[in-house]
PDB file of N, CA and C in Angstrom:
ATOM      1  N   MET A   1     -36.628   9.816   2.231  1.00  0.00           N
ATOM      2  CA  MET A   1     -35.797  10.447   1.227  1.00  0.00           C
ATOM      3  C   MET A   1     -35.239  11.758   1.778  1.00  0.00           C
ATOM      4  N   MET A   2     -33.967  12.008   1.570  1.00  0.00           N
ATOM      5  CA  MET A   2     -33.308  13.225   2.025  1.00  0.00           C
ATOM      6  C   MET A   2     -33.384  14.274   0.922  1.00  0.00           C
ATOM      7  N   THR A   3     -34.409  15.098   0.959  1.00  0.00           N
ATOM      8  CA  THR A   3     -34.619  16.075  -0.110  1.00  0.00           C
ATOM      9  C   THR A   3     -33.540  17.158  -0.134  1.00  0.00           C
ATOM     10  N   HIS A   4     -32.902  17.433   1.011  1.00  0.00           N
ATOM     11  CA  HIS A   4     -31.855  18.458   1.034  1.00  0.00           C
ATOM     12  C   HIS A   4     -30.588  18.030   0.293  1.00  0.00           C
ATOM     13  N   LEU A   5     -30.473  16.767  -0.054  1.00  0.00           N
ATOM     14  CA  LEU A   5     -29.323  16.281  -0.817  1.00  0.00           C
ATOM     15  C   LEU A   5     -29.618  16.132  -2.304  1.00  0.00           C
ATOM     16  N   LYS A   6     -30.846  16.388  -2.696  1.00  0.00           N
ATOM     17  CA  LYS A   6     -31.235  16.214  -4.090  1.00  0.00           C
ATOM     18  C   LYS A   6     -30.346  17.072  -5.010  1.00  0.00           C
ATOM     19  N   GLY A   7     -29.705  16.404  -5.954  1.00  0.00           N
ATOM     20  CA  GLY A   7     -28.864  17.082  -6.925  1.00  0.00           C
ATOM     21  C   GLY A   7     -27.529  17.574  -6.387  1.00  0.00           C
ATOM     22  N   LYS A   8     -27.184  17.235  -5.172  1.00  0.00           N
ATOM     23  CA  LYS A   8     -25.932  17.699  -4.555  1.00  0.00           C
ATOM     24  C   LYS A   8     -24.778  16.767  -4.903  1.00  0.00           C
ATOM     25  N   LYS A   9     -23.577  17.330  -4.817  1.00  0.00           N
ATOM     26  CA  LYS A   9     -22.348  16.562  -5.032  1.00  0.00           C
ATOM     27  C   LYS A   9     -21.636  16.398  -3.698  1.00  0.00           C
ATOM     28  N   VAL A  10     -21.367  15.147  -3.354  1.00  0.00           N
ATOM     29  CA  VAL A  10     -20.735  14.829  -2.076  1.00  0.00           C
ATOM     30  C   VAL A  10     -19.426  14.086  -2.343  1.00  0.00           C
ATOM     31  N   LEU A  11     -18.382  14.499  -1.627  1.00  0.00           N
ATOM     32  CA  LEU A  11     -17.100  13.798  -1.669  1.00  0.00           C
ATOM     33  C   LEU A  11     -16.884  13.146  -0.317  1.00  0.00           C
ATOM     34  N   ILE A  12     -16.589  11.845  -0.343  1.00  0.00           N
ATOM     35  CA  ILE A  12     -16.251  11.098   0.869  1.00  0.00           C
ATOM     36  C   ILE A  12     -14.753  10.807   0.814  1.00  0.00           C
ATOM     37  N   ILE A  13     -14.051  11.157   1.894  1.00  0.00           N
ATOM     38  CA  ILE A  13     -12.606  10.947   1.955  1.00  0.00           C
ATOM     39  C   ILE A  13     -12.286   9.911   3.023  1.00  0.00           C
ATOM     40  N   LYS A  14     -11.507   8.902   2.626  1.00  0.00           N
ATOM     41  CA  LYS A  14     -11.029   7.895   3.575  1.00  0.00           C
ATOM     42  C   LYS A  14      -9.601   7.535   3.187  1.00  0.00           C
ATOM     43  N   LEU A  15      -8.631   8.220   3.802  1.00  0.00           N
ATOM     44  CA  LEU A  15      -7.218   8.017   3.473  1.00  0.00           C
ATOM     45  C   LEU A  15      -6.575   7.095   4.507  1.00  0.00           C
ATOM     46  N   ARG A  16      -6.983   5.863   4.492  1.00  0.00           N
ATOM     47  CA  ARG A  16      -6.422   4.860   5.389  1.00  0.00           C
ATOM     48  C   ARG A  16      -6.117   3.585   4.604  1.00  0.00           C
ATOM     49  N   TYR A  17      -6.294   2.457   5.246  1.00  0.00           N
ATOM     50  CA  TYR A  17      -5.909   1.194   4.652  1.00  0.00           C
ATOM     51  C   TYR A  17      -7.125   0.394   4.190  1.00  0.00           C
ATOM     52  N   ILE A  18      -6.895  -0.808   3.719  1.00  0.00           N
ATOM     53  CA  ILE A  18      -7.938  -1.609   3.080  1.00  0.00           C
ATOM     54  C   ILE A  18      -9.168  -1.805   3.972  1.00  0.00           C
ATOM     55  N   GLY A  19      -8.978  -2.253   5.189  1.00  0.00           N
ATOM     56  CA  GLY A  19     -10.117  -2.483   6.078  1.00  0.00           C
ATOM     57  C   GLY A  19     -10.910  -1.217   6.340  1.00  0.00           C
ATOM     58  N   ASP A  20     -10.199  -0.111   6.492  1.00  0.00           N
ATOM     59  CA  ASP A  20     -10.854   1.176   6.712  1.00  0.00           C
ATOM     60  C   ASP A  20     -11.625   1.618   5.473  1.00  0.00           C
ATOM     61  N   THR A  21     -11.072   1.361   4.318  1.00  0.00           N
ATOM     62  CA  THR A  21     -11.739   1.735   3.070  1.00  0.00           C
ATOM     63  C   THR A  21     -13.049   0.972   2.923  1.00  0.00           C
ATOM     64  N   LEU A  22     -13.065  -0.278   3.336  1.00  0.00           N
ATOM     65  CA  LEU A  22     -14.302  -1.065   3.278  1.00  0.00           C
ATOM     66  C   LEU A  22     -15.429  -0.404   4.082  1.00  0.00           C
ATOM     67  N   SER A  23     -15.066   0.298   5.138  1.00  0.00           N
ATOM     68  CA  SER A  23     -16.083   0.876   6.024  1.00  0.00           C
ATOM     69  C   SER A  23     -16.887   2.004   5.377  1.00  0.00           C
ATOM     70  N   ILE A  24     -16.431   2.545   4.260  1.00  0.00           N
ATOM     71  CA  ILE A  24     -17.204   3.621   3.616  1.00  0.00           C
ATOM     72  C   ILE A  24     -18.266   3.089   2.654  1.00  0.00           C
ATOM     73  N   ILE A  25     -18.184   1.818   2.295  1.00  0.00           N
ATOM     74  CA  ILE A  25     -19.163   1.256   1.354  1.00  0.00           C
ATOM     75  C   ILE A  25     -20.597   1.374   1.880  1.00  0.00           C
ATOM     76  N   PRO A  26     -20.877   1.023   3.139  1.00  0.00           N
ATOM     77  CA  PRO A  26     -22.249   1.210   3.627  1.00  0.00           C
ATOM     78  C   PRO A  26     -22.681   2.681   3.645  1.00  0.00           C
ATOM     79  N   VAL A  27     -21.753   3.576   3.858  1.00  0.00           N
ATOM     80  CA  VAL A  27     -22.066   5.007   3.850  1.00  0.00           C
ATOM     81  C   VAL A  27     -22.521   5.426   2.458  1.00  0.00           C
ATOM     82  N   VAL A  28     -21.761   5.035   1.452  1.00  0.00           N
ATOM     83  CA  VAL A  28     -22.111   5.348   0.066  1.00  0.00           C
ATOM     84  C   VAL A  28     -23.481   4.770  -0.268  1.00  0.00           C
ATOM     85  N   GLU A  29     -23.688   3.517   0.061  1.00  0.00           N
ATOM     86  CA  GLU A  29     -24.948   2.842  -0.272  1.00  0.00           C
ATOM     87  C   GLU A  29     -26.137   3.468   0.452  1.00  0.00           C
ATOM     88  N   ASN A  30     -25.955   3.853   1.702  1.00  0.00           N
ATOM     89  CA  ASN A  30     -27.038   4.496   2.443  1.00  0.00           C
ATOM     90  C   ASN A  30     -27.347   5.884   1.899  1.00  0.00           C
ATOM     91  N   LEU A  31     -26.316   6.622   1.535  1.00  0.00           N
ATOM     92  CA  LEU A  31     -26.547   7.940   0.926  1.00  0.00           C
ATOM     93  C   LEU A  31     -27.393   7.814  -0.337  1.00  0.00           C
ATOM     94  N   LYS A  32     -27.011   6.889  -1.197  1.00  0.00           N
ATOM     95  CA  LYS A  32     -27.743   6.698  -2.458  1.00  0.00           C
ATOM     96  C   LYS A  32     -29.152   6.148  -2.226  1.00  0.00           C
ATOM     97  N   ALA A  33     -29.318   5.313  -1.216  1.00  0.00           N
ATOM     98  CA  ALA A  33     -30.639   4.763  -0.917  1.00  0.00           C
ATOM     99  C   ALA A  33     -31.578   5.849  -0.398  1.00  0.00           C
ATOM    100  N   LYS A  34     -31.046   6.749   0.415  1.00  0.00           N
ATOM    101  CA  LYS A  34     -31.863   7.810   1.007  1.00  0.00           C
ATOM    102  C   LYS A  34     -32.011   9.019   0.090  1.00  0.00           C
ATOM    103  N   ALA A  35     -31.034   9.229  -0.790  1.00  0.00           N
ATOM    104  CA  ALA A  35     -31.060  10.379  -1.703  1.00  0.00           C
ATOM    105  C   ALA A  35     -30.540   9.928  -3.067  1.00  0.00           C
ATOM    106  N   PRO A  36     -31.372   9.264  -3.853  1.00  0.00           N
ATOM    107  CA  PRO A  36     -30.928   8.692  -5.132  1.00  0.00           C
ATOM    108  C   PRO A  36     -30.332   9.705  -6.113  1.00  0.00           C
ATOM    109  N   ASP A  37     -30.693  10.972  -5.983  1.00  0.00           N
ATOM    110  CA  ASP A  37     -30.186  11.995  -6.904  1.00  0.00           C
ATOM    111  C   ASP A  37     -28.848  12.587  -6.492  1.00  0.00           C
ATOM    112  N   VAL A  38     -28.314  12.180  -5.355  1.00  0.00           N
ATOM    113  CA  VAL A  38     -27.032  12.702  -4.900  1.00  0.00           C
ATOM    114  C   VAL A  38     -25.907  12.080  -5.738  1.00  0.00           C
ATOM    115  N   THR A  39     -24.891  12.883  -6.021  1.00  0.00           N
ATOM    116  CA  THR A  39     -23.696  12.391  -6.710  1.00  0.00           C
ATOM    117  C   THR A  39     -22.641  12.131  -5.641  1.00  0.00           C
ATOM    118  N   VAL A  40     -22.113  10.911  -5.617  1.00  0.00           N
ATOM    119  CA  VAL A  40     -21.129  10.531  -4.608  1.00  0.00           C
ATOM    120  C   VAL A  40     -19.793  10.223  -5.278  1.00  0.00           C
ATOM    121  N   ASP A  41     -18.772  10.954  -4.857  1.00  0.00           N
ATOM    122  CA  ASP A  41     -17.399  10.693  -5.262  1.00  0.00           C
ATOM    123  C   ASP A  41     -16.635  10.264  -4.011  1.00  0.00           C
ATOM    124  N   VAL A  42     -15.550   9.529  -4.213  1.00  0.00           N
ATOM    125  CA  VAL A  42     -14.775   8.997  -3.094  1.00  0.00           C
ATOM    126  C   VAL A  42     -13.293   9.219  -3.352  1.00  0.00           C
ATOM    127  N   MET A  43     -12.554   9.569  -2.288  1.00  0.00           N
ATOM    128  CA  MET A  43     -11.096   9.665  -2.353  1.00  0.00           C
ATOM    129  C   MET A  43     -10.503   8.663  -1.366  1.00  0.00           C
ATOM    130  N   VAL A  44      -9.611   7.803  -1.892  1.00  0.00           N
ATOM    131  CA  VAL A  44      -8.939   6.795  -1.070  1.00  0.00           C
ATOM    132  C   VAL A  44      -7.457   6.770  -1.420  1.00  0.00           C
ATOM    133  N   ASN A  45      -6.665   6.175  -0.550  1.00  0.00           N
ATOM    134  CA  ASN A  45      -5.238   6.013  -0.804  1.00  0.00           C
ATOM    135  C   ASN A  45      -4.981   5.031  -1.938  1.00  0.00           C
ATOM    136  N   ARG A  46      -3.915   5.285  -2.686  1.00  0.00           N
ATOM    137  CA  ARG A  46      -3.439   4.320  -3.686  1.00  0.00           C
ATOM    138  C   ARG A  46      -3.215   2.987  -2.975  1.00  0.00           C
ATOM    139  N   GLY A  47      -3.674   1.920  -3.579  1.00  0.00           N
ATOM    140  CA  GLY A  47      -3.535   0.591  -3.004  1.00  0.00           C
ATOM    141  C   GLY A  47      -4.822   0.078  -2.382  1.00  0.00           C
ATOM    142  N   THR A  48      -5.776   0.986  -2.177  1.00  0.00           N
ATOM    143  CA  THR A  48      -7.069   0.570  -1.618  1.00  0.00           C
ATOM    144  C   THR A  48      -8.207   0.783  -2.622  1.00  0.00           C
ATOM    145  N   GLU A  49      -7.882   1.364  -3.751  1.00  0.00           N
ATOM    146  CA  GLU A  49      -8.910   1.751  -4.729  1.00  0.00           C
ATOM    147  C   GLU A  49      -9.669   0.570  -5.331  1.00  0.00           C
ATOM    148  N   GLU A  50      -9.045  -0.599  -5.387  1.00  0.00           N
ATOM    149  CA  GLU A  50      -9.709  -1.753  -6.001  1.00  0.00           C
ATOM    150  C   GLU A  50     -10.983  -2.156  -5.267  1.00  0.00           C
ATOM    151  N   LEU A  51     -11.086  -1.802  -3.994  1.00  0.00           N
ATOM    152  CA  LEU A  51     -12.276  -2.151  -3.211  1.00  0.00           C
ATOM    153  C   LEU A  51     -13.513  -1.382  -3.658  1.00  0.00           C
ATOM    154  N   VAL A  52     -13.313  -0.211  -4.252  1.00  0.00           N
ATOM    155  CA  VAL A  52     -14.455   0.635  -4.614  1.00  0.00           C
ATOM    156  C   VAL A  52     -14.480   1.046  -6.084  1.00  0.00           C
ATOM    157  N   THR A  53     -13.514   0.606  -6.849  1.00  0.00           N
ATOM    158  CA  THR A  53     -13.389   1.020  -8.254  1.00  0.00           C
ATOM    159  C   THR A  53     -14.655   0.805  -9.062  1.00  0.00           C
ATOM    160  N   HIS A  54     -15.296  -0.316  -8.910  1.00  0.00           N
ATOM    161  CA  HIS A  54     -16.455  -0.641  -9.745  1.00  0.00           C
ATOM    162  C   HIS A  54     -17.785  -0.519  -9.001  1.00  0.00           C
ATOM    163  N   HIS A  55     -17.768   0.192  -7.894  1.00  0.00           N
ATOM    164  CA  HIS A  55     -19.014   0.338  -7.137  1.00  0.00           C
ATOM    165  C   HIS A  55     -19.989   1.207  -7.938  1.00  0.00           C
ATOM    166  N   PRO A  56     -21.192   0.717  -8.180  1.00  0.00           N
ATOM    167  CA  PRO A  56     -22.133   1.436  -9.043  1.00  0.00           C
ATOM    168  C   PRO A  56     -22.641   2.762  -8.474  1.00  0.00           C
ATOM    169  N   ASP A  57     -22.508   2.986  -7.169  1.00  0.00           N
ATOM    170  CA  ASP A  57     -22.991   4.224  -6.571  1.00  0.00           C
ATOM    171  C   ASP A  57     -21.935   5.319  -6.515  1.00  0.00           C
ATOM    172  N   ILE A  58     -20.712   5.001  -6.946  1.00  0.00           N
ATOM    173  CA  ILE A  58     -19.632   5.982  -6.924  1.00  0.00           C
ATOM    174  C   ILE A  58     -19.405   6.501  -8.338  1.00  0.00           C
ATOM    175  N   ARG A  59     -19.579   7.812  -8.500  1.00  0.00           N
ATOM    176  CA  ARG A  59     -19.403   8.413  -9.823  1.00  0.00           C
ATOM    177  C   ARG A  59     -17.923   8.542 -10.176  1.00  0.00           C
ATOM    178  N   LYS A  60     -17.144   9.095  -9.254  1.00  0.00           N
ATOM    179  CA  LYS A  60     -15.730   9.351  -9.525  1.00  0.00           C
ATOM    180  C   LYS A  60     -14.900   8.884  -8.344  1.00  0.00           C
ATOM    181  N   LEU A  61     -13.791   8.251  -8.664  1.00  0.00           N
ATOM    182  CA  LEU A  61     -12.866   7.781  -7.645  1.00  0.00           C
ATOM    183  C   LEU A  61     -11.582   8.594  -7.736  1.00  0.00           C
ATOM    184  N   TRP A  62     -11.264   9.269  -6.642  1.00  0.00           N
ATOM    185  CA  TRP A  62     -10.009  10.004  -6.530  1.00  0.00           C
ATOM    186  C   TRP A  62      -9.020   9.102  -5.817  1.00  0.00           C
ATOM    187  N   ILE A  63      -7.850   8.919  -6.404  1.00  0.00           N
ATOM    188  CA  ILE A  63      -6.819   8.088  -5.777  1.00  0.00           C
ATOM    189  C   ILE A  63      -5.728   9.011  -5.271  1.00  0.00           C
ATOM    190  N   TYR A  64      -5.585   9.049  -3.952  1.00  0.00           N
ATOM    191  CA  TYR A  64      -4.586   9.909  -3.319  1.00  0.00           C
ATOM    192  C   TYR A  64      -3.234   9.212  -3.356  1.00  0.00           C
ATOM    193  N   GLU A  65      -2.273   9.883  -3.944  1.00  0.00           N
ATOM    194  CA  GLU A  65      -0.921   9.336  -4.100  1.00  0.00           C
ATOM    195  C   GLU A  65      -0.065   9.727  -2.897  1.00  0.00           C
ATOM    196  N   ARG A  66      -0.194   8.977  -1.850  1.00  0.00           N
ATOM    197  CA  ARG A  66       0.484   9.293  -0.591  1.00  0.00           C
ATOM    198  C   ARG A  66       2.012   9.364  -0.745  1.00  0.00           C
ATOM    199  N   ARG A  67       2.579   8.438  -1.500  1.00  0.00           N
ATOM    200  CA  ARG A  67       4.047   8.447  -1.682  1.00  0.00           C
ATOM    201  C   ARG A  67       4.510   9.722  -2.380  1.00  0.00           C
ATOM    202  N   THR A  68       3.786  10.124  -3.401  1.00  0.00           N
ATOM    203  CA  THR A  68       4.112  11.358  -4.116  1.00  0.00           C
ATOM    204  C   THR A  68       3.940  12.555  -3.197  1.00  0.00           C
ATOM    205  N   ALA A  69       2.866  12.551  -2.433  1.00  0.00           N
ATOM    206  CA  ALA A  69       2.554  13.658  -1.538  1.00  0.00           C
ATOM    207  C   ALA A  69       3.593  13.826  -0.437  1.00  0.00           C
ATOM    208  N   LYS A  70       4.303  12.757  -0.106  1.00  0.00           N
ATOM    209  CA  LYS A  70       5.276  12.813   0.990  1.00  0.00           C
ATOM    210  C   LYS A  70       6.734  12.696   0.519  1.00  0.00           C
ATOM    211  N   LYS A  71       6.949  12.654  -0.782  1.00  0.00           N
ATOM    212  CA  LYS A  71       8.294  12.414  -1.323  1.00  0.00           C
ATOM    213  C   LYS A  71       9.293  13.476  -0.880  1.00  0.00           C
ATOM    214  N   ASN A  72       9.043  14.719  -1.215  1.00  0.00           N
ATOM    215  CA  ASN A  72       9.848  15.848  -0.758  1.00  0.00           C
ATOM    216  C   ASN A  72       8.990  17.100  -0.872  1.00  0.00           C
ATOM    217  N   ILE A  73       9.454  18.190  -0.355  1.00  0.00           N
ATOM    218  CA  ILE A  73       8.626  19.395  -0.265  1.00  0.00           C
ATOM    219  C   ILE A  73       8.188  19.909  -1.639  1.00  0.00           C
ATOM    220  N   LEU A  74       9.075  19.924  -2.619  1.00  0.00           N
ATOM    221  CA  LEU A  74       8.714  20.435  -3.939  1.00  0.00           C
ATOM    222  C   LEU A  74       7.710  19.521  -4.649  1.00  0.00           C
ATOM    223  N   THR A  75       7.942  18.244  -4.550  1.00  0.00           N
ATOM    224  CA  THR A  75       7.010  17.284  -5.151  1.00  0.00           C
ATOM    225  C   THR A  75       5.649  17.381  -4.462  1.00  0.00           C
ATOM    226  N   SER A  76       5.664  17.503  -3.145  1.00  0.00           N
ATOM    227  CA  SER A  76       4.430  17.604  -2.384  1.00  0.00           C
ATOM    228  C   SER A  76       3.637  18.854  -2.772  1.00  0.00           C
ATOM    229  N   ILE A  77       4.316  19.980  -2.867  1.00  0.00           N
ATOM    230  CA  ILE A  77       3.643  21.230  -3.249  1.00  0.00           C
ATOM    231  C   ILE A  77       3.051  21.117  -4.639  1.00  0.00           C
ATOM    232  N   SER A  78       3.808  20.590  -5.563  1.00  0.00           N
ATOM    233  CA  SER A  78       3.338  20.438  -6.941  1.00  0.00           C
ATOM    234  C   SER A  78       2.136  19.495  -7.011  1.00  0.00           C
ATOM    235  N   TYR A  79       2.229  18.372  -6.325  1.00  0.00           N
ATOM    236  CA  TYR A  79       1.144  17.395  -6.323  1.00  0.00           C
ATOM    237  C   TYR A  79      -0.130  18.000  -5.736  1.00  0.00           C
ATOM    238  N   HIS A  80       0.006  18.637  -4.585  1.00  0.00           N
ATOM    239  CA  HIS A  80      -1.167  19.197  -3.922  1.00  0.00           C
ATOM    240  C   HIS A  80      -1.750  20.391  -4.679  1.00  0.00           C
ATOM    241  N   LYS A  81      -0.907  21.179  -5.310  1.00  0.00           N
ATOM    242  CA  LYS A  81      -1.408  22.309  -6.104  1.00  0.00           C
ATOM    243  C   LYS A  81      -2.330  21.799  -7.220  1.00  0.00           C
ATOM    244  N   ASN A  82      -1.899  20.771  -7.914  1.00  0.00           N
ATOM    245  CA  ASN A  82      -2.702  20.180  -8.983  1.00  0.00           C
ATOM    246  C   ASN A  82      -3.974  19.538  -8.433  1.00  0.00           C
ATOM    247  N   LEU A  83      -3.842  18.813  -7.340  1.00  0.00           N
ATOM    248  CA  LEU A  83      -4.991  18.154  -6.728  1.00  0.00           C
ATOM    249  C   LEU A  83      -6.024  19.180  -6.252  1.00  0.00           C
ATOM    250  N   ILE A  84      -5.557  20.243  -5.626  1.00  0.00           N
ATOM    251  CA  ILE A  84      -6.456  21.302  -5.146  1.00  0.00           C
ATOM    252  C   ILE A  84      -7.229  21.906  -6.312  1.00  0.00           C
ATOM    253  N   LYS A  85      -6.548  22.181  -7.388  1.00  0.00           N
ATOM    254  CA  LYS A  85      -7.205  22.757  -8.568  1.00  0.00           C
ATOM    255  C   LYS A  85      -8.309  21.820  -9.081  1.00  0.00           C
ATOM    256  N   GLN A  86      -7.996  20.528  -9.167  1.00  0.00           N
ATOM    257  CA  GLN A  86      -8.972  19.550  -9.646  1.00  0.00           C
ATOM    258  C   GLN A  86     -10.158  19.411  -8.692  1.00  0.00           C
ATOM    259  N   LEU A  87      -9.874  19.342  -7.395  1.00  0.00           N
ATOM    260  CA  LEU A  87     -10.950  19.207  -6.405  1.00  0.00           C
ATOM    261  C   LEU A  87     -11.874  20.419  -6.422  1.00  0.00           C
ATOM    262  N   ARG A  88     -11.300  21.608  -6.472  1.00  0.00           N
ATOM    263  CA  ARG A  88     -12.112  22.831  -6.478  1.00  0.00           C
ATOM    264  C   ARG A  88     -12.976  22.925  -7.730  1.00  0.00           C
ATOM    265  N   SER A  89     -12.461  22.396  -8.844  1.00  0.00           N
ATOM    266  CA  SER A  89     -13.224  22.468 -10.094  1.00  0.00           C
ATOM    267  C   SER A  89     -14.488  21.606 -10.043  1.00  0.00           C
ATOM    268  N   GLU A  90     -14.533  20.635  -9.150  1.00  0.00           N
ATOM    269  CA  GLU A  90     -15.708  19.768  -9.009  1.00  0.00           C
ATOM    270  C   GLU A  90     -16.878  20.469  -8.330  1.00  0.00           C
ATOM    271  N   LYS A  91     -16.588  21.535  -7.575  1.00  0.00           N
ATOM    272  CA  LYS A  91     -17.630  22.314  -6.887  1.00  0.00           C
ATOM    273  C   LYS A  91     -18.529  21.421  -6.006  1.00  0.00           C
ATOM    274  N   TYR A  92     -17.885  20.718  -5.087  1.00  0.00           N
ATOM    275  CA  TYR A  92     -18.627  19.849  -4.168  1.00  0.00           C
ATOM    276  C   TYR A  92     -19.486  20.682  -3.228  1.00  0.00           C
ATOM    277  N   ASP A  93     -20.667  20.179  -2.944  1.00  0.00           N
ATOM    278  CA  ASP A  93     -21.557  20.812  -1.975  1.00  0.00           C
ATOM    279  C   ASP A  93     -21.185  20.393  -0.551  1.00  0.00           C
ATOM    280  N   SER A  94     -20.797  19.128  -0.403  1.00  0.00           N
ATOM    281  CA  SER A  94     -20.468  18.575   0.912  1.00  0.00           C
ATOM    282  C   SER A  94     -19.263  17.653   0.809  1.00  0.00           C
ATOM    283  N   VAL A  95     -18.480  17.657   1.863  1.00  0.00           N
ATOM    284  CA  VAL A  95     -17.362  16.723   1.980  1.00  0.00           C
ATOM    285  C   VAL A  95     -17.477  16.049   3.339  1.00  0.00           C
ATOM    286  N   ILE A  96     -17.383  14.725   3.328  1.00  0.00           N
ATOM    287  CA  ILE A  96     -17.408  13.959   4.571  1.00  0.00           C
ATOM    288  C   ILE A  96     -16.069  13.245   4.692  1.00  0.00           C
ATOM    289  N   ASP A  97     -15.322  13.603   5.724  1.00  0.00           N
ATOM    290  CA  ASP A  97     -13.999  13.026   5.952  1.00  0.00           C
ATOM    291  C   ASP A  97     -14.100  11.950   7.026  1.00  0.00           C
ATOM    292  N   PHE A  98     -13.845  10.716   6.633  1.00  0.00           N
ATOM    293  CA  PHE A  98     -13.857   9.593   7.572  1.00  0.00           C
ATOM    294  C   PHE A  98     -12.444   9.197   8.001  1.00  0.00           C
ATOM    295  N   THR A  99     -11.459  10.037   7.656  1.00  0.00           N
ATOM    296  CA  THR A  99     -10.072   9.703   7.957  1.00  0.00           C
ATOM    297  C   THR A  99      -9.674  10.107   9.368  1.00  0.00           C
ATOM    298  N   HIS A 100     -10.135  11.251   9.816  1.00  0.00           N
ATOM    299  CA  HIS A 100      -9.789  11.811  11.118  1.00  0.00           C
ATOM    300  C   HIS A 100      -8.291  12.093  11.233  1.00  0.00           C
ATOM    301  N   GLY A 101      -7.768  12.784  10.236  1.00  0.00           N
ATOM    302  CA  GLY A 101      -6.370  13.187  10.253  1.00  0.00           C
ATOM    303  C   GLY A 101      -6.214  14.557   9.618  1.00  0.00           C
ATOM    304  N   ASP A 102      -5.050  15.159   9.840  1.00  0.00           N
ATOM    305  CA  ASP A 102      -4.846  16.526   9.358  1.00  0.00           C
ATOM    306  C   ASP A 102      -4.805  16.642   7.844  1.00  0.00           C
ATOM    307  N   ARG A 103      -4.244  15.678   7.151  1.00  0.00           N
ATOM    308  CA  ARG A 103      -4.153  15.745   5.689  1.00  0.00           C
ATOM    309  C   ARG A 103      -5.546  15.725   5.046  1.00  0.00           C
ATOM    310  N   ALA A 104      -6.396  14.814   5.484  1.00  0.00           N
ATOM    311  CA  ALA A 104      -7.756  14.736   4.942  1.00  0.00           C
ATOM    312  C   ALA A 104      -8.579  15.952   5.357  1.00  0.00           C
ATOM    313  N   ALA A 105      -8.360  16.448   6.559  1.00  0.00           N
ATOM    314  CA  ALA A 105      -9.068  17.660   7.002  1.00  0.00           C
ATOM    315  C   ALA A 105      -8.679  18.840   6.115  1.00  0.00           C
ATOM    316  N   PHE A 106      -7.403  18.945   5.787  1.00  0.00           N
ATOM    317  CA  PHE A 106      -6.930  19.999   4.887  1.00  0.00           C
ATOM    318  C   PHE A 106      -7.572  19.853   3.509  1.00  0.00           C
ATOM    319  N   LEU A 107      -7.571  18.649   2.977  1.00  0.00           N
ATOM    320  CA  LEU A 107      -8.180  18.414   1.667  1.00  0.00           C
ATOM    321  C   LEU A 107      -9.665  18.745   1.684  1.00  0.00           C
ATOM    322  N   SER A 108     -10.343  18.411   2.772  1.00  0.00           N
ATOM    323  CA  SER A 108     -11.762  18.744   2.912  1.00  0.00           C
ATOM    324  C   SER A 108     -11.956  20.257   2.842  1.00  0.00           C
ATOM    325  N   PHE A 109     -11.119  20.968   3.552  1.00  0.00           N
ATOM    326  CA  PHE A 109     -11.220  22.425   3.608  1.00  0.00           C
ATOM    327  C   PHE A 109     -10.988  23.071   2.244  1.00  0.00           C
ATOM    328  N   ILE A 110      -9.951  22.622   1.541  1.00  0.00           N
ATOM    329  CA  ILE A 110      -9.581  23.290   0.290  1.00  0.00           C
ATOM    330  C   ILE A 110     -10.522  22.987  -0.871  1.00  0.00           C
ATOM    331  N   THR A 111     -11.431  22.036  -0.692  1.00  0.00           N
ATOM    332  CA  THR A 111     -12.391  21.785  -1.785  1.00  0.00           C
ATOM    333  C   THR A 111     -13.281  22.977  -2.019  1.00  0.00           C
ATOM    334  N   GLY A 112     -13.471  23.778  -0.994  1.00  0.00           N
ATOM    335  CA  GLY A 112     -14.379  24.916  -1.110  1.00  0.00           C
ATOM    336  C   GLY A 112     -15.835  24.533  -0.872  1.00  0.00           C
ATOM    337  N   ALA A 113     -16.079  23.295  -0.492  1.00  0.00           N
ATOM    338  CA  ALA A 113     -17.463  22.846  -0.229  1.00  0.00           C
ATOM    339  C   ALA A 113     -18.064  23.677   0.896  1.00  0.00           C
ATOM    340  N   THR A 114     -19.341  24.005   0.752  1.00  0.00           N
ATOM    341  CA  THR A 114     -20.003  24.820   1.773  1.00  0.00           C
ATOM    342  C   THR A 114     -20.247  24.048   3.051  1.00  0.00           C
ATOM    343  N   GLN A 115     -20.331  22.739   2.958  1.00  0.00           N
ATOM    344  CA  GLN A 115     -20.528  21.904   4.143  1.00  0.00           C
ATOM    345  C   GLN A 115     -19.416  20.879   4.209  1.00  0.00           C
ATOM    346  N   ARG A 116     -18.691  20.891   5.346  1.00  0.00           N
ATOM    347  CA  ARG A 116     -17.592  19.941   5.526  1.00  0.00           C
ATOM    348  C   ARG A 116     -17.739  19.291   6.893  1.00  0.00           C
ATOM    349  N   ILE A 117     -17.716  17.972   6.885  1.00  0.00           N
ATOM    350  CA  ILE A 117     -17.771  17.220   8.123  1.00  0.00           C
ATOM    351  C   ILE A 117     -16.423  16.533   8.225  1.00  0.00           C
ATOM    352  N   THR A 118     -15.611  16.976   9.182  1.00  0.00           N
ATOM    353  CA  THR A 118     -14.243  16.491   9.252  1.00  0.00           C
ATOM    354  C   THR A 118     -13.725  16.573  10.675  1.00  0.00           C
ATOM    355  N   TYR A 119     -12.522  16.116  10.851  1.00  0.00           N
ATOM    356  CA  TYR A 119     -11.841  16.090  12.133  1.00  0.00           C
ATOM    357  C   TYR A 119     -11.489  17.493  12.552  1.00  0.00           C
TER     358      TYR A 119
END
């Protein structure tokens, strides 16, 4: 049992495609198996959310709207401003980024989590 995760909130980010999204399921399940009291939330791209929507170990599913985020500069700023506010309000203890890209690394950083594992 991972006692250092007891009662902690963890966000897992995977902003890729369907096959890549599947790869986070064992991570979620192992986290919950080793630390049953940990809260696990997940952020995935729109279009891949159906793979994890009903997973019993995921408390909250964040759906990243990539098209909105890339539409134009004003739309992107507005979208990210709102998303940042929502992410920060969750007060995550840890963020694990499995995307390995600049956008997910930025999102990991702006959560304000004290521990971030990212690209």
